[in-house]
Amino acid sequence: MQLGYPRTELRRRLVDAVLTGEKTATAGLHAEYEAEGEPLPGVGERFLLLGYDDKPVAVVETVELRLLRAGDVDLAFARDEGEGFDSVEEWRTAHESFWAGQDITDDTLVVAERFRLVERL
């Protein structure tokens, strides 16, 4: 599982949030999964969490996966992303910035994944 881009401060913050238990969810664009021909994560599937330098630092397990419209992301999910969002609007602004170059509307499909930390490596 990759959170953010390698060797960025964002990657470092997101991985640290997973390791401390603050981050238990992440979101991706469904269109990116389709473009890369990548299957959606399945509930019960385990992944290596990659750290700052793309080296495995932990094992995480998908515990919930929902495909939903960006306009339907709720505050509970935004908060579970562990980035300090106090509103869905903050979540949306941050994700639109991260997904720069993509046209994000209320109807844009988001892969909303919840996970649990299984093991630190």
Protein backbone atom coordinates (compact mmCIF):
# COMPACT_ATOMS: atom_id res chain seq x y z
CA MET A 1 0.00 0.00 0.00
CA GLN A 2 1.39 3.34 -1.01
CA LEU A 3 0.22 6.50 0.70
CA GLY A 4 1.27 9.66 -1.09
CA TYR A 5 4.41 9.70 -3.19
CA PRO A 6 7.79 8.21 -2.15
CA ARG A 7 10.33 10.46 -0.46
CA THR A 8 7.82 13.22 0.32
CA GLU A 9 6.86 14.74 3.64
CA LEU A 10 3.26 13.73 2.92
CA ARG A 11 4.31 10.05 2.67
CA ARG A 12 6.19 10.35 5.97
CA ARG A 13 3.19 11.93 7.75
CA LEU A 14 0.67 9.44 6.39
CA VAL A 15 2.75 6.36 7.25
CA ASP A 16 3.45 7.73 10.74
CA ALA A 17 -0.30 8.24 11.21
CA VAL A 18 -0.94 4.60 10.28
CA LEU A 19 1.76 3.39 12.68
CA THR A 20 0.31 5.44 15.56
CA GLY A 21 -3.26 4.32 14.82
CA GLU A 22 -4.50 7.78 13.80
CA LYS A 23 -5.01 6.79 10.16
CA THR A 24 -7.33 3.88 9.48
CA ALA A 25 -8.68 4.88 6.08
CA THR A 26 -7.52 6.07 2.69
CA ALA A 27 -9.13 7.18 -0.55
CA GLY A 28 -8.21 6.71 -4.18
CA LEU A 29 -9.75 7.61 -7.49
CA HIS A 30 -11.61 4.76 -9.12
CA ALA A 31 -10.53 6.10 -12.52
CA GLU A 32 -6.86 5.60 -11.57
CA TYR A 33 -7.49 1.95 -10.69
CA GLU A 34 -9.21 1.47 -14.05
CA ALA A 35 -6.49 3.31 -16.00
CA GLU A 36 -3.77 1.14 -14.45
CA GLY A 37 -5.82 -2.06 -14.77
CA GLU A 38 -5.42 -2.54 -11.03
CA PRO A 39 -8.08 -4.51 -9.13
CA LEU A 40 -9.74 -2.89 -6.14
CA PRO A 41 -8.54 -4.13 -2.75
CA GLY A 42 -10.67 -6.89 -1.27
CA VAL A 43 -11.86 -7.10 2.30
CA GLY A 44 -9.45 -9.37 4.16
CA GLU A 45 -6.61 -8.70 1.73
CA ARG A 46 -3.26 -7.81 3.29
CA PHE A 47 -0.72 -5.39 1.87
CA LEU A 48 2.74 -4.18 2.68
CA LEU A 49 2.71 -0.54 3.77
CA LEU A 50 5.61 1.24 2.10
CA GLY A 51 7.52 3.88 4.04
CA TYR A 52 9.28 7.08 3.01
CA ASP A 53 11.89 5.27 0.89
CA ASP A 54 9.46 2.68 -0.53
CA LYS A 55 10.67 0.01 1.91
CA PRO A 56 8.03 -2.11 3.69
CA VAL A 57 7.35 -0.88 7.23
CA ALA A 58 4.13 -2.69 8.14
CA VAL A 59 1.37 -5.05 7.07
CA VAL A 60 -2.17 -3.67 6.81
CA GLU A 61 -5.45 -5.46 6.12
CA THR A 62 -8.45 -4.05 4.29
CA VAL A 63 -11.48 -4.24 6.58
CA GLU A 64 -13.97 -2.27 4.46
CA LEU A 65 -14.14 -1.08 0.89
CA ARG A 66 -16.77 1.21 -0.56
CA LEU A 67 -17.04 2.74 -3.98
CA LEU A 68 -18.80 6.05 -3.58
CA ARG A 69 -19.28 9.45 -5.13
CA ALA A 70 -16.91 12.17 -3.89
CA GLY A 71 -20.05 14.08 -2.89
CA ASP A 72 -21.04 11.21 -0.57
CA VAL A 73 -17.86 11.05 1.52
CA ASP A 74 -18.92 11.55 5.14
CA LEU A 75 -17.23 13.19 8.10
CA ALA A 76 -16.48 9.87 9.82
CA PHE A 77 -14.48 8.70 6.80
CA ALA A 78 -12.72 12.06 6.45
CA ARG A 79 -11.66 11.89 10.10
CA ASP A 80 -10.55 8.25 9.80
CA GLU A 81 -8.05 9.34 7.16
CA GLY A 82 -6.04 10.65 10.11
CA GLU A 83 -4.98 13.92 8.55
CA GLY A 84 -6.79 16.19 10.98
CA PHE A 85 -9.80 16.98 8.82
CA ASP A 86 -12.59 18.68 10.78
CA SER A 87 -15.01 18.78 7.88
CA VAL A 88 -15.79 17.03 4.62
CA GLU A 89 -14.94 20.31 2.88
CA GLU A 90 -11.38 20.17 4.28
CA TRP A 91 -11.10 16.56 3.13
CA ARG A 92 -12.33 17.50 -0.34
CA THR A 93 -9.98 20.47 -0.69
CA ALA A 94 -6.94 18.41 0.35
CA HIS A 95 -7.82 15.56 -1.99
CA GLU A 96 -8.56 17.84 -4.94
CA SER A 97 -5.11 19.34 -4.41
CA PHE A 98 -3.47 15.88 -4.23
CA TRP A 99 -5.40 14.70 -7.29
CA ALA A 100 -4.40 17.85 -9.23
CA GLY A 101 -4.99 17.51 -12.93
CA GLN A 102 -8.08 15.36 -12.38
CA ASP A 103 -11.54 16.84 -12.78
CA ILE A 104 -13.16 16.11 -9.39
CA THR A 105 -16.92 16.58 -9.17
CA ASP A 106 -19.52 15.32 -6.71
CA ASP A 107 -20.03 12.36 -9.08
CA THR A 108 -16.34 11.36 -9.25
CA LEU A 109 -16.04 7.79 -7.96
CA VAL A 110 -13.79 7.37 -4.92
CA VAL A 111 -12.45 4.09 -3.57
CA ALA A 112 -12.94 4.51 0.19
CA GLU A 113 -10.88 1.92 2.03
CA ARG A 114 -10.68 1.25 5.74
CA PHE A 115 -7.82 -0.85 7.03
CA ARG A 116 -6.19 -2.06 10.20
CA LEU A 117 -2.55 -2.30 11.14
CA VAL A 118 -1.69 -5.99 11.41
CA GLU A 119 2.05 -5.89 12.07
CA ARG A 120 4.98 -3.48 12.14
CA LEU A 121 8.03 -4.76 10.28
